[in-house]
Amino acid sequence: MPTLLLIDLDGTLIDTPHFEAWRNTAFKMGGTELTHEEYIDHIAGRPRMEGASRFLELKRASQGQGALHTLNARELADYKQDEFQRLCASTQLFSDALRLLQRIDDARQTVIFYTASQNASNLFDITLHQSHISLKQPRTVSQQSANQSRGELFQQLIGTRAAKDIYLIDDSPYAADLACHLGVHTWQIRRNLREPKAGDPRVSIISSLDEFMLPK
């Protein structure tokens, strides 16, 4: 069976301001700081409502009583979405993502893009149009549902294929570990050396998508 390439959108291909939006939301709504490491470990790669719930659990446990105890996850998620929309006007594809997309198209490699973000699919179309890249293959984007875990999404995307025929790229160490545990060939794109790495030693860590070789 031909190989299937699975690629995350947010943070892997698209330089989306999710961290900035969550960080601003944490400060403006809760008067607290959200570090990038906390964002990666607890929020990145998860649907917005799950991210909001996990953020509240994290900060309430560490801060005790405070402004965060008067908020609910829906209020936090809605504010984050407004902040994200304000910041995303200048969103672009990473330069190495553009080159990878062109290589995939030239090779006619079967690929499915996936995301937990409700914004990412539309942003993908917009940023591709703005980049003036010419892709011939149709694009398939799989949206993780609100009640679906990332692991369940991966199992859905794999379907009846053998795990050895699946190649996956994600910037989240959490997602990379999940995929690797399913037997999938997994790469974590880690552009910043301060970002956490996947714990599974079978995950290949790359600093640029240019380092990823398409499957034969």
N, C-alpha and C. Protein backbone atom coordinates (compact mmCIF):
# COMPACT_ATOMS: atom_id res chain seq x y z
N MET A 1 0.85 -1.19 0.00
CA MET A 1 0.00 0.00 0.00
C MET A 1 0.88 1.25 0.00
N PRO A 2 0.52 2.29 -0.77
CA PRO A 2 1.33 3.51 -0.79
C PRO A 2 1.42 4.14 0.59
N THR A 3 2.51 4.86 0.81
CA THR A 3 2.70 5.52 2.10
C THR A 3 1.76 6.71 2.24
N LEU A 4 1.41 7.01 3.47
CA LEU A 4 0.56 8.16 3.79
C LEU A 4 1.34 9.10 4.69
N LEU A 5 1.34 10.36 4.35
CA LEU A 5 2.00 11.38 5.15
C LEU A 5 0.94 12.17 5.91
N LEU A 6 1.10 12.28 7.23
CA LEU A 6 0.20 13.05 8.08
C LEU A 6 0.97 14.25 8.63
N ILE A 7 0.43 15.45 8.44
CA ILE A 7 1.15 16.65 8.87
C ILE A 7 0.22 17.57 9.65
N ASP A 8 0.65 17.95 10.83
CA ASP A 8 -0.04 18.94 11.65
C ASP A 8 0.06 20.31 10.99
N LEU A 9 -0.96 21.14 11.17
CA LEU A 9 -0.93 22.48 10.60
C LEU A 9 -0.34 23.51 11.57
N ASP A 10 -0.97 23.67 12.74
CA ASP A 10 -0.57 24.72 13.68
C ASP A 10 0.82 24.49 14.24
N GLY A 11 1.72 25.43 14.01
CA GLY A 11 3.06 25.35 14.57
C GLY A 11 4.01 24.49 13.78
N THR A 12 3.48 23.65 12.89
CA THR A 12 4.30 22.80 12.03
C THR A 12 4.45 23.43 10.65
N LEU A 13 3.31 23.74 10.04
CA LEU A 13 3.32 24.42 8.73
C LEU A 13 3.01 25.91 8.86
N ILE A 14 2.06 26.23 9.73
CA ILE A 14 1.59 27.61 9.86
C ILE A 14 2.14 28.23 11.13
N ASP A 15 2.71 29.42 10.99
CA ASP A 15 3.25 30.15 12.14
C ASP A 15 2.12 30.91 12.82
N THR A 16 1.22 30.16 13.43
CA THR A 16 0.02 30.75 14.03
C THR A 16 0.32 31.30 15.43
N PRO A 17 -0.39 32.38 15.82
CA PRO A 17 -0.11 33.04 17.10
C PRO A 17 -0.90 32.45 18.26
N HIS A 18 -1.05 31.13 18.31
CA HIS A 18 -1.81 30.54 19.41
C HIS A 18 -1.15 30.79 20.77
N PHE A 19 0.16 30.62 20.84
CA PHE A 19 0.82 30.84 22.13
C PHE A 19 0.65 32.28 22.57
N GLU A 20 0.87 33.23 21.65
CA GLU A 20 0.73 34.64 21.99
C GLU A 20 -0.69 34.95 22.46
N ALA A 21 -1.68 34.35 21.79
CA ALA A 21 -3.07 34.59 22.17
C ALA A 21 -3.37 34.02 23.56
N TRP A 22 -2.87 32.82 23.85
CA TRP A 22 -3.07 32.23 25.18
C TRP A 22 -2.30 33.01 26.24
N ARG A 23 -1.09 33.45 25.92
CA ARG A 23 -0.30 34.21 26.89
C ARG A 23 -0.98 35.53 27.23
N ASN A 24 -1.48 36.24 26.21
CA ASN A 24 -2.19 37.49 26.46
C ASN A 24 -3.47 37.27 27.25
N THR A 25 -4.17 36.19 26.94
CA THR A 25 -5.40 35.85 27.65
C THR A 25 -5.11 35.56 29.12
N ALA A 26 -4.04 34.82 29.38
CA ALA A 26 -3.66 34.50 30.76
C ALA A 26 -3.40 35.77 31.56
N PHE A 27 -2.72 36.72 30.95
CA PHE A 27 -2.37 37.95 31.66
C PHE A 27 -3.58 38.86 31.84
N LYS A 28 -4.36 39.02 30.76
CA LYS A 28 -5.47 39.98 30.80
C LYS A 28 -6.68 39.46 31.58
N MET A 29 -6.93 38.16 31.51
CA MET A 29 -8.09 37.59 32.19
C MET A 29 -7.78 37.09 33.59
N GLY A 30 -6.55 36.60 33.78
CA GLY A 30 -6.23 36.00 35.06
C GLY A 30 -5.09 36.64 35.81
N GLY A 31 -4.45 37.64 35.19
CA GLY A 31 -3.32 38.30 35.85
C GLY A 31 -2.17 37.37 36.12
N THR A 32 -1.95 36.40 35.24
CA THR A 32 -0.89 35.42 35.46
C THR A 32 -0.06 35.23 34.20
N GLU A 33 1.12 34.67 34.36
CA GLU A 33 2.03 34.43 33.24
C GLU A 33 1.87 32.99 32.75
N LEU A 34 1.86 32.82 31.44
CA LEU A 34 1.88 31.49 30.83
C LEU A 34 3.19 31.35 30.09
N THR A 35 4.02 30.41 30.50
CA THR A 35 5.30 30.21 29.83
C THR A 35 5.11 29.36 28.58
N HIS A 36 6.09 29.42 27.70
CA HIS A 36 5.99 28.62 26.47
C HIS A 36 6.03 27.13 26.80
N GLU A 37 6.81 26.76 27.79
CA GLU A 37 6.88 25.35 28.19
C GLU A 37 5.53 24.87 28.71
N GLU A 38 4.86 25.71 29.52
CA GLU A 38 3.52 25.35 30.02
C GLU A 38 2.54 25.21 28.85
N TYR A 39 2.66 26.11 27.90
CA TYR A 39 1.78 26.05 26.73
C TYR A 39 1.97 24.74 25.97
N ILE A 40 3.22 24.37 25.70
CA ILE A 40 3.51 23.13 24.96
C ILE A 40 3.02 21.91 25.74
N ASP A 41 3.28 21.88 27.04
CA ASP A 41 2.96 20.70 27.84
C ASP A 41 1.46 20.52 28.10
N HIS A 42 0.72 21.63 28.18
CA HIS A 42 -0.66 21.54 28.65
C HIS A 42 -1.73 21.97 27.64
N ILE A 43 -1.36 22.76 26.63
CA ILE A 43 -2.38 23.35 25.76
C ILE A 43 -2.18 23.03 24.29
N ALA A 44 -0.95 23.10 23.81
CA ALA A 44 -0.68 22.96 22.36
C ALA A 44 -1.22 21.65 21.81
N GLY A 45 -1.83 21.72 20.64
CA GLY A 45 -2.33 20.52 19.97
C GLY A 45 -3.64 20.00 20.48
N ARG A 46 -4.29 20.76 21.37
CA ARG A 46 -5.57 20.33 21.93
C ARG A 46 -6.66 21.31 21.51
N PRO A 47 -7.91 20.84 21.40
CA PRO A 47 -9.01 21.75 21.07
C PRO A 47 -9.10 22.89 22.08
N ARG A 48 -9.67 24.01 21.64
CA ARG A 48 -9.67 25.23 22.44
C ARG A 48 -10.29 25.04 23.83
N MET A 49 -11.45 24.38 23.91
CA MET A 49 -12.10 24.20 25.21
C MET A 49 -11.27 23.32 26.13
N GLU A 50 -10.66 22.28 25.58
CA GLU A 50 -9.79 21.43 26.40
C GLU A 50 -8.59 22.23 26.88
N GLY A 51 -8.02 23.05 25.99
CA GLY A 51 -6.89 23.88 26.38
C GLY A 51 -7.25 24.84 27.49
N ALA A 52 -8.45 25.44 27.41
CA ALA A 52 -8.89 26.37 28.45
C ALA A 52 -9.08 25.66 29.78
N SER A 53 -9.67 24.47 29.75
CA SER A 53 -9.87 23.70 30.98
C SER A 53 -8.54 23.30 31.61
N ARG A 54 -7.59 22.88 30.79
CA ARG A 54 -6.29 22.47 31.30
C ARG A 54 -5.52 23.67 31.85
N PHE A 55 -5.66 24.82 31.20
CA PHE A 55 -5.01 26.03 31.70
C PHE A 55 -5.55 26.39 33.09
N LEU A 56 -6.87 26.37 33.25
CA LEU A 56 -7.46 26.70 34.54
C LEU A 56 -7.02 25.72 35.62
N GLU A 57 -6.98 24.44 35.31
CA GLU A 57 -6.52 23.45 36.28
C GLU A 57 -5.08 23.72 36.70
N LEU A 58 -4.24 24.02 35.72
CA LEU A 58 -2.82 24.27 35.98
C LEU A 58 -2.63 25.46 36.89
N LYS A 59 -3.26 26.58 36.56
CA LYS A 59 -3.02 27.82 37.28
C LYS A 59 -3.75 27.87 38.62
N ARG A 60 -4.92 27.27 38.69
CA ARG A 60 -5.62 27.25 39.98
C ARG A 60 -4.86 26.42 41.00
N ALA A 61 -4.26 25.34 40.54
CA ALA A 61 -3.49 24.49 41.45
C ALA A 61 -2.26 25.20 41.99
N SER A 62 -1.66 26.07 41.17
CA SER A 62 -0.42 26.73 41.58
C SER A 62 -0.65 28.06 42.28
N GLN A 63 -1.82 28.70 42.07
CA GLN A 63 -2.03 30.05 42.59
C GLN A 63 -3.04 30.13 43.72
N GLY A 64 -3.82 29.09 43.93
CA GLY A 64 -4.83 29.19 44.97
C GLY A 64 -5.95 30.13 44.56
N GLN A 65 -6.51 30.87 45.50
CA GLN A 65 -7.61 31.79 45.21
C GLN A 65 -7.10 32.97 44.40
N GLY A 66 -7.95 33.46 43.50
CA GLY A 66 -7.56 34.60 42.67
C GLY A 66 -8.56 34.79 41.56
N ALA A 67 -8.19 35.65 40.59
CA ALA A 67 -9.10 35.99 39.50
C ALA A 67 -9.52 34.77 38.70
N LEU A 68 -8.63 33.79 38.57
CA LEU A 68 -8.94 32.62 37.75
C LEU A 68 -10.08 31.78 38.32
N HIS A 69 -10.32 31.90 39.63
CA HIS A 69 -11.38 31.10 40.25
C HIS A 69 -12.77 31.62 39.92
N THR A 70 -12.86 32.82 39.36
CA THR A 70 -14.16 33.37 38.97
C THR A 70 -14.44 33.13 37.49
N LEU A 71 -13.49 32.55 36.76
CA LEU A 71 -13.65 32.31 35.33
C LEU A 71 -14.07 30.87 35.07
N ASN A 72 -14.77 30.67 33.96
CA ASN A 72 -15.01 29.30 33.51
C ASN A 72 -14.30 29.10 32.18
N ALA A 73 -14.21 27.85 31.76
CA ALA A 73 -13.44 27.52 30.56
C ALA A 73 -14.01 28.20 29.31
N ARG A 74 -15.33 28.32 29.21
CA ARG A 74 -15.95 28.95 28.04
C ARG A 74 -15.55 30.42 27.93
N GLU A 75 -15.58 31.15 29.04
CA GLU A 75 -15.18 32.57 29.02
C GLU A 75 -13.73 32.71 28.57
N LEU A 76 -12.88 31.85 29.11
CA LEU A 76 -11.46 31.91 28.77
C LEU A 76 -11.25 31.56 27.29
N ALA A 77 -11.91 30.52 26.81
CA ALA A 77 -11.76 30.10 25.41
C ALA A 77 -12.27 31.17 24.45
N ASP A 78 -13.38 31.82 24.80
CA ASP A 78 -13.93 32.87 23.94
C ASP A 78 -13.00 34.07 23.87
N TYR A 79 -12.42 34.45 25.01
CA TYR A 79 -11.49 35.58 25.01
C TYR A 79 -10.25 35.24 24.20
N LYS A 80 -9.76 34.00 24.36
CA LYS A 80 -8.59 33.58 23.59
C LYS A 80 -8.87 33.65 22.10
N GLN A 81 -10.08 33.22 21.67
CA GLN A 81 -10.42 33.25 20.25
C GLN A 81 -10.43 34.68 19.71
N ASP A 82 -10.98 35.61 20.49
CA ASP A 82 -10.98 37.02 20.07
C ASP A 82 -9.55 37.54 19.95
N GLU A 83 -8.72 37.16 20.90
CA GLU A 83 -7.32 37.60 20.88
C GLU A 83 -6.59 36.99 19.68
N PHE A 84 -6.87 35.73 19.41
CA PHE A 84 -6.25 35.05 18.27
C PHE A 84 -6.63 35.74 16.96
N GLN A 85 -7.91 36.05 16.79
CA GLN A 85 -8.36 36.71 15.57
C GLN A 85 -7.69 38.07 15.40
N ARG A 86 -7.47 38.75 16.50
CA ARG A 86 -6.80 40.05 16.43
C ARG A 86 -5.35 39.91 15.97
N LEU A 87 -4.69 38.82 16.39
CA LEU A 87 -3.27 38.65 16.11
C LEU A 87 -2.98 37.96 14.77
N CYS A 88 -3.97 37.26 14.22
CA CYS A 88 -3.65 36.36 13.10
C CYS A 88 -3.61 37.04 11.73
N ALA A 89 -3.81 38.35 11.66
CA ALA A 89 -3.80 39.04 10.36
C ALA A 89 -2.48 38.86 9.62
N SER A 90 -1.40 38.75 10.36
CA SER A 90 -0.07 38.63 9.73
C SER A 90 0.45 37.20 9.67
N THR A 91 -0.43 36.23 9.89
CA THR A 91 -0.02 34.82 9.91
C THR A 91 0.51 34.37 8.55
N GLN A 92 1.59 33.60 8.58
CA GLN A 92 2.21 33.10 7.36
C GLN A 92 2.60 31.63 7.53
N LEU A 93 2.85 30.98 6.40
CA LEU A 93 3.46 29.65 6.42
C LEU A 93 4.95 29.81 6.68
N PHE A 94 5.52 28.88 7.44
CA PHE A 94 6.97 28.87 7.61
C PHE A 94 7.63 28.66 6.24
N SER A 95 8.80 29.25 6.05
CA SER A 95 9.47 29.13 4.75
C SER A 95 9.83 27.68 4.44
N ASP A 96 10.25 26.91 5.45
CA ASP A 96 10.56 25.50 5.19
C ASP A 96 9.29 24.70 4.91
N ALA A 97 8.15 25.17 5.42
CA ALA A 97 6.87 24.52 5.12
C ALA A 97 6.51 24.69 3.65
N LEU A 98 6.76 25.87 3.12
CA LEU A 98 6.49 26.11 1.70
C LEU A 98 7.31 25.17 0.82
N ARG A 99 8.56 24.99 1.19
CA ARG A 99 9.42 24.10 0.40
C ARG A 99 8.97 22.65 0.52
N LEU A 100 8.56 22.24 1.73
CA LEU A 100 8.07 20.87 1.91
C LEU A 100 6.79 20.65 1.11
N LEU A 101 5.88 21.59 1.14
CA LEU A 101 4.63 21.46 0.39
C LEU A 101 4.89 21.31 -1.10
N GLN A 102 5.86 22.05 -1.60
CA GLN A 102 6.19 21.94 -3.02
C GLN A 102 6.80 20.58 -3.33
N ARG A 103 7.64 20.07 -2.43
CA ARG A 103 8.24 18.74 -2.64
C ARG A 103 7.16 17.65 -2.63
N ILE A 104 6.21 17.78 -1.70
CA ILE A 104 5.12 16.81 -1.61
C ILE A 104 4.30 16.81 -2.90
N ASP A 105 4.01 18.01 -3.39
CA ASP A 105 3.21 18.14 -4.60
C ASP A 105 3.95 17.59 -5.82
N ASP A 106 5.22 17.90 -5.91
CA ASP A 106 6.01 17.42 -7.05
C ASP A 106 6.09 15.89 -7.06
N ALA A 107 6.17 15.30 -5.86
CA ALA A 107 6.28 13.84 -5.74
C ALA A 107 4.92 13.14 -5.80
N ARG A 108 3.85 13.92 -5.78
CA ARG A 108 2.49 13.39 -5.75
C ARG A 108 2.30 12.45 -4.56
N GLN A 109 2.88 12.85 -3.44
CA GLN A 109 2.79 12.08 -2.21
C GLN A 109 1.40 12.26 -1.59
N THR A 110 0.78 11.16 -1.19
CA THR A 110 -0.51 11.23 -0.51
C THR A 110 -0.32 11.83 0.87
N VAL A 111 -1.09 12.87 1.18
CA VAL A 111 -0.92 13.57 2.45
C VAL A 111 -2.27 13.99 2.99
N ILE A 112 -2.41 13.90 4.32
CA ILE A 112 -3.57 14.45 5.02
C ILE A 112 -3.03 15.43 6.06
N PHE A 113 -3.56 16.63 6.07
CA PHE A 113 -3.21 17.62 7.07
C PHE A 113 -4.24 17.53 8.19
N TYR A 114 -3.81 17.72 9.42
CA TYR A 114 -4.74 17.60 10.54
C TYR A 114 -4.53 18.75 11.52
N THR A 115 -5.56 19.02 12.31
CA THR A 115 -5.50 20.12 13.26
C THR A 115 -6.56 19.96 14.34
N ALA A 116 -6.29 20.52 15.50
CA ALA A 116 -7.30 20.61 16.56
C ALA A 116 -7.95 21.99 16.56
N SER A 117 -7.38 22.91 15.81
CA SER A 117 -7.84 24.30 15.80
C SER A 117 -8.97 24.49 14.80
N GLN A 118 -10.00 25.21 15.22
CA GLN A 118 -11.10 25.52 14.33
C GLN A 118 -10.71 26.58 13.30
N ASN A 119 -9.60 27.27 13.54
CA ASN A 119 -9.17 28.34 12.65
C ASN A 119 -8.21 27.87 11.56
N ALA A 120 -7.55 26.74 11.78
CA ALA A 120 -6.37 26.38 10.99
C ALA A 120 -6.68 26.09 9.52
N SER A 121 -7.77 25.41 9.25
CA SER A 121 -8.06 25.05 7.86
C SER A 121 -8.24 26.29 6.99
N ASN A 122 -8.99 27.26 7.50
CA ASN A 122 -9.19 28.51 6.75
C ASN A 122 -7.88 29.28 6.63
N LEU A 123 -7.10 29.33 7.71
CA LEU A 123 -5.81 30.01 7.66
C LEU A 123 -4.86 29.35 6.67
N PHE A 124 -4.93 28.04 6.58
CA PHE A 124 -4.10 27.30 5.63
C PHE A 124 -4.40 27.76 4.20
N ASP A 125 -5.68 27.84 3.87
CA ASP A 125 -6.07 28.30 2.54
C ASP A 125 -5.59 29.73 2.28
N ILE A 126 -5.78 30.59 3.27
CA ILE A 126 -5.40 32.00 3.12
C ILE A 126 -3.89 32.15 2.93
N THR A 127 -3.13 31.47 3.78
CA THR A 127 -1.67 31.62 3.71
C THR A 127 -1.10 31.00 2.44
N LEU A 128 -1.70 29.91 1.97
CA LEU A 128 -1.27 29.33 0.70
C LEU A 128 -1.51 30.31 -0.45
N HIS A 129 -2.68 30.94 -0.43
CA HIS A 129 -3.00 31.91 -1.48
C HIS A 129 -2.03 33.09 -1.44
N GLN A 130 -1.73 33.57 -0.24
CA GLN A 130 -0.83 34.71 -0.10
C GLN A 130 0.60 34.37 -0.50
N SER A 131 0.98 33.10 -0.37
CA SER A 131 2.35 32.69 -0.68
C SER A 131 2.58 32.54 -2.17
N HIS A 132 1.50 32.47 -2.94
CA HIS A 132 1.57 32.31 -4.41
C HIS A 132 2.18 30.97 -4.82
N ILE A 133 2.19 30.01 -3.90
CA ILE A 133 2.68 28.68 -4.25
C ILE A 133 1.60 27.97 -5.08
N SER A 134 2.03 27.26 -6.09
CA SER A 134 1.09 26.60 -7.01
C SER A 134 1.12 25.09 -6.76
N LEU A 135 0.07 24.59 -6.11
CA LEU A 135 -0.03 23.16 -5.80
C LEU A 135 -1.12 22.54 -6.67
N LYS A 136 -0.80 21.40 -7.26
CA LYS A 136 -1.73 20.74 -8.18
C LYS A 136 -2.65 19.75 -7.47
N GLN A 137 -2.15 19.12 -6.41
CA GLN A 137 -2.94 18.09 -5.74
C GLN A 137 -4.03 18.72 -4.86
N PRO A 138 -5.20 18.08 -4.78
CA PRO A 138 -6.23 18.56 -3.85
C PRO A 138 -5.76 18.39 -2.41
N ARG A 139 -6.24 19.27 -1.53
CA ARG A 139 -5.82 19.23 -0.13
C ARG A 139 -6.92 18.61 0.74
N THR A 140 -6.51 17.74 1.65
CA THR A 140 -7.43 17.15 2.62
C THR A 140 -7.00 17.57 4.01
N VAL A 141 -7.91 18.23 4.74
CA VAL A 141 -7.63 18.66 6.11
C VAL A 141 -8.62 17.95 7.03
N SER A 142 -8.10 17.25 8.03
CA SER A 142 -8.93 16.55 9.00
C SER A 142 -8.99 17.36 10.29
N GLN A 143 -10.20 17.69 10.71
CA GLN A 143 -10.42 18.50 11.91
C GLN A 143 -10.70 17.59 13.11
N GLN A 144 -9.88 17.71 14.14
CA GLN A 144 -10.12 16.96 15.37
C GLN A 144 -11.37 17.50 16.03
N SER A 145 -12.32 16.63 16.37
CA SER A 145 -13.56 17.08 16.99
C SER A 145 -13.34 17.38 18.47
N ALA A 146 -14.27 18.15 19.03
CA ALA A 146 -14.11 18.62 20.40
C ALA A 146 -14.08 17.48 21.42
N ASN A 147 -14.78 16.38 21.13
CA ASN A 147 -14.83 15.26 22.08
C ASN A 147 -13.88 14.13 21.69
N GLN A 148 -12.91 14.45 20.84
CA GLN A 148 -11.97 13.44 20.33
C GLN A 148 -10.56 13.75 20.83
N SER A 149 -9.87 12.75 21.34
CA SER A 149 -8.49 12.94 21.77
C SER A 149 -7.57 12.92 20.55
N ARG A 150 -6.35 13.42 20.72
CA ARG A 150 -5.40 13.40 19.61
C ARG A 150 -5.08 11.96 19.20
N GLY A 151 -4.98 11.06 20.19
CA GLY A 151 -4.73 9.66 19.87
C GLY A 151 -5.86 9.05 19.05
N GLU A 152 -7.11 9.39 19.38
CA GLU A 152 -8.25 8.89 18.62
C GLU A 152 -8.25 9.44 17.20
N LEU A 153 -7.84 10.71 17.05
CA LEU A 153 -7.73 11.28 15.71
C LEU A 153 -6.70 10.52 14.90
N PHE A 154 -5.55 10.23 15.50
CA PHE A 154 -4.51 9.48 14.78
C PHE A 154 -5.02 8.11 14.35
N GLN A 155 -5.72 7.43 15.24
CA GLN A 155 -6.25 6.11 14.89
C GLN A 155 -7.26 6.20 13.75
N GLN A 156 -8.05 7.27 13.75
CA GLN A 156 -9.01 7.49 12.66
C GLN A 156 -8.28 7.72 11.34
N LEU A 157 -7.21 8.52 11.36
CA LEU A 157 -6.47 8.82 10.14
C LEU A 157 -5.72 7.60 9.62
N ILE A 158 -5.21 6.78 10.53
CA ILE A 158 -4.50 5.56 10.13
C ILE A 158 -5.47 4.56 9.50
N GLY A 159 -6.64 4.43 10.10
CA GLY A 159 -7.66 3.52 9.57
C GLY A 159 -7.15 2.09 9.51
N THR A 160 -7.27 1.48 8.34
CA THR A 160 -6.86 0.08 8.17
C THR A 160 -5.44 -0.05 7.62
N ARG A 161 -4.77 1.07 7.46
CA ARG A 161 -3.39 1.01 6.94
C ARG A 161 -2.45 0.43 8.00
N ALA A 162 -1.38 -0.16 7.54
CA ALA A 162 -0.34 -0.63 8.45
C ALA A 162 0.43 0.58 8.97
N ALA A 163 0.75 0.58 10.26
CA ALA A 163 1.45 1.72 10.86
C ALA A 163 2.79 1.99 10.16
N LYS A 164 3.42 0.94 9.63
CA LYS A 164 4.72 1.11 8.98
C LYS A 164 4.62 1.94 7.69
N ASP A 165 3.40 2.11 7.18
CA ASP A 165 3.20 2.88 5.95
C ASP A 165 2.83 4.34 6.24
N ILE A 166 2.84 4.73 7.52
CA ILE A 166 2.42 6.07 7.92
C ILE A 166 3.62 6.87 8.38
N TYR A 167 3.74 8.10 7.89
CA TYR A 167 4.79 9.03 8.29
C TYR A 167 4.12 10.30 8.81
N LEU A 168 4.53 10.76 9.98
CA LEU A 168 3.83 11.87 10.64
C LEU A 168 4.81 12.94 11.10
N ILE A 169 4.41 14.20 10.94
CA ILE A 169 5.21 15.34 11.40
C ILE A 169 4.34 16.23 12.27
N ASP A 170 4.83 16.56 13.47
CA ASP A 170 4.09 17.43 14.39
C ASP A 170 5.09 18.21 15.22
N ASP A 171 4.72 19.41 15.65
CA ASP A 171 5.62 20.18 16.51
C ASP A 171 5.41 19.88 17.98
N SER A 172 4.33 19.22 18.32
CA SER A 172 4.02 18.93 19.72
C SER A 172 4.71 17.65 20.19
N PRO A 173 5.50 17.70 21.26
CA PRO A 173 6.11 16.48 21.77
C PRO A 173 5.06 15.48 22.26
N TYR A 174 3.98 16.01 22.81
CA TYR A 174 2.87 15.17 23.27
C TYR A 174 2.29 14.37 22.10
N ALA A 175 2.02 15.05 20.98
CA ALA A 175 1.46 14.38 19.81
C ALA A 175 2.46 13.41 19.19
N ALA A 176 3.73 13.81 19.15
CA ALA A 176 4.76 12.94 18.58
C ALA A 176 4.88 11.64 19.37
N ASP A 177 4.84 11.73 20.69
CA ASP A 177 4.91 10.52 21.51
C ASP A 177 3.69 9.62 21.27
N LEU A 178 2.51 10.23 21.17
CA LEU A 178 1.30 9.45 20.91
C LEU A 178 1.41 8.68 19.60
N ALA A 179 1.85 9.37 18.56
CA ALA A 179 1.96 8.73 17.24
C ALA A 179 2.98 7.60 17.26
N CYS A 180 4.10 7.85 17.92
CA CYS A 180 5.15 6.84 17.98
C CYS A 180 4.66 5.59 18.72
N HIS A 181 3.88 5.78 19.77
CA HIS A 181 3.34 4.65 20.52
C HIS A 181 2.38 3.81 19.68
N LEU A 182 1.82 4.42 18.62
CA LEU A 182 0.94 3.69 17.71
C LEU A 182 1.73 2.96 16.62
N GLY A 183 3.05 3.12 16.63
CA GLY A 183 3.89 2.45 15.65
C GLY A 183 4.15 3.23 14.38
N VAL A 184 3.76 4.51 14.38
CA VAL A 184 3.91 5.36 13.20
C VAL A 184 5.33 5.94 13.15
N HIS A 185 5.91 6.07 11.97
CA HIS A 185 7.19 6.77 11.80
C HIS A 185 6.94 8.25 12.11
N THR A 186 7.62 8.78 13.12
CA THR A 186 7.27 10.10 13.63
C THR A 186 8.45 11.05 13.68
N TRP A 187 8.19 12.30 13.26
CA TRP A 187 9.16 13.38 13.33
C TRP A 187 8.56 14.53 14.13
N GLN A 188 9.35 15.08 15.05
CA GLN A 188 8.96 16.30 15.75
C GLN A 188 9.77 17.46 15.18
N ILE A 189 9.07 18.47 14.66
CA ILE A 189 9.75 19.67 14.19
C ILE A 189 9.95 20.58 15.41
N ARG A 190 11.19 20.89 15.70
CA ARG A 190 11.56 21.65 16.91
C ARG A 190 12.49 22.79 16.47
N ARG A 191 11.89 23.88 16.02
CA ARG A 191 12.66 24.99 15.46
C ARG A 191 13.43 25.76 16.53
N ASN A 192 12.93 25.73 17.75
CA ASN A 192 13.56 26.44 18.86
C ASN A 192 14.14 25.43 19.84
N LEU A 193 15.42 25.54 20.14
CA LEU A 193 16.08 24.56 21.01
C LEU A 193 15.57 24.61 22.44
N ARG A 194 14.85 25.66 22.80
CA ARG A 194 14.29 25.75 24.15
C ARG A 194 12.98 24.99 24.29
N GLU A 195 12.42 24.58 23.16
CA GLU A 195 11.16 23.84 23.21
C GLU A 195 11.40 22.41 23.68
N PRO A 196 10.44 21.84 24.42
CA PRO A 196 10.61 20.47 24.92
C PRO A 196 10.62 19.45 23.79
N LYS A 197 11.29 18.34 24.04
CA LYS A 197 11.40 17.27 23.05
C LYS A 197 10.48 16.11 23.44
N ALA A 198 10.09 15.36 22.43
CA ALA A 198 9.32 14.13 22.68
C ALA A 198 10.14 13.19 23.54
N GLY A 199 9.45 12.43 24.39
CA GLY A 199 10.16 11.53 25.29
C GLY A 199 10.53 10.20 24.67
N ASP A 200 9.78 9.78 23.66
CA ASP A 200 10.04 8.48 23.03
C ASP A 200 11.29 8.57 22.16
N PRO A 201 12.30 7.74 22.42
CA PRO A 201 13.55 7.82 21.66
C PRO A 201 13.39 7.46 20.19
N ARG A 202 12.26 6.88 19.81
CA ARG A 202 12.04 6.54 18.40
C ARG A 202 11.61 7.75 17.57
N VAL A 203 11.23 8.84 18.23
CA VAL A 203 10.83 10.05 17.51
C VAL A 203 12.07 10.73 16.94
N SER A 204 12.04 11.06 15.66
CA SER A 204 13.14 11.79 15.03
C SER A 204 12.92 13.28 15.24
N ILE A 205 13.91 13.96 15.80
CA ILE A 205 13.82 15.39 16.08
C ILE A 205 14.51 16.15 14.95
N ILE A 206 13.80 17.10 14.34
CA ILE A 206 14.39 17.91 13.27
C ILE A 206 14.18 19.38 13.60
N SER A 207 15.12 20.22 13.17
CA SER A 207 15.03 21.66 13.43
C SER A 207 14.46 22.41 12.24
N SER A 208 14.34 21.73 11.11
CA SER A 208 13.78 22.33 9.90
C SER A 208 13.08 21.24 9.09
N LEU A 209 12.00 21.60 8.44
CA LEU A 209 11.31 20.64 7.58
C LEU A 209 12.14 20.26 6.37
N ASP A 210 13.17 21.04 6.07
CA ASP A 210 14.09 20.68 4.99
C ASP A 210 14.83 19.38 5.30
N GLU A 211 14.91 19.02 6.59
CA GLU A 211 15.62 17.81 6.99
C GLU A 211 14.77 16.55 6.78
N PHE A 212 13.48 16.73 6.55
CA PHE A 212 12.59 15.58 6.37
C PHE A 212 12.66 15.08 4.94
N MET A 213 12.97 13.80 4.79
CA MET A 213 13.04 13.18 3.48
C MET A 213 11.72 12.46 3.19
N LEU A 214 11.13 12.75 2.06
CA LEU A 214 9.87 12.11 1.70
C LEU A 214 10.05 10.60 1.59
N PRO A 215 9.04 9.83 2.02
CA PRO A 215 9.14 8.36 1.89
C PRO A 215 9.20 7.94 0.44
N LYS A 216 9.92 6.87 0.19
CA LYS A 216 10.06 6.36 -1.18
C LYS A 216 8.86 5.51 -1.57
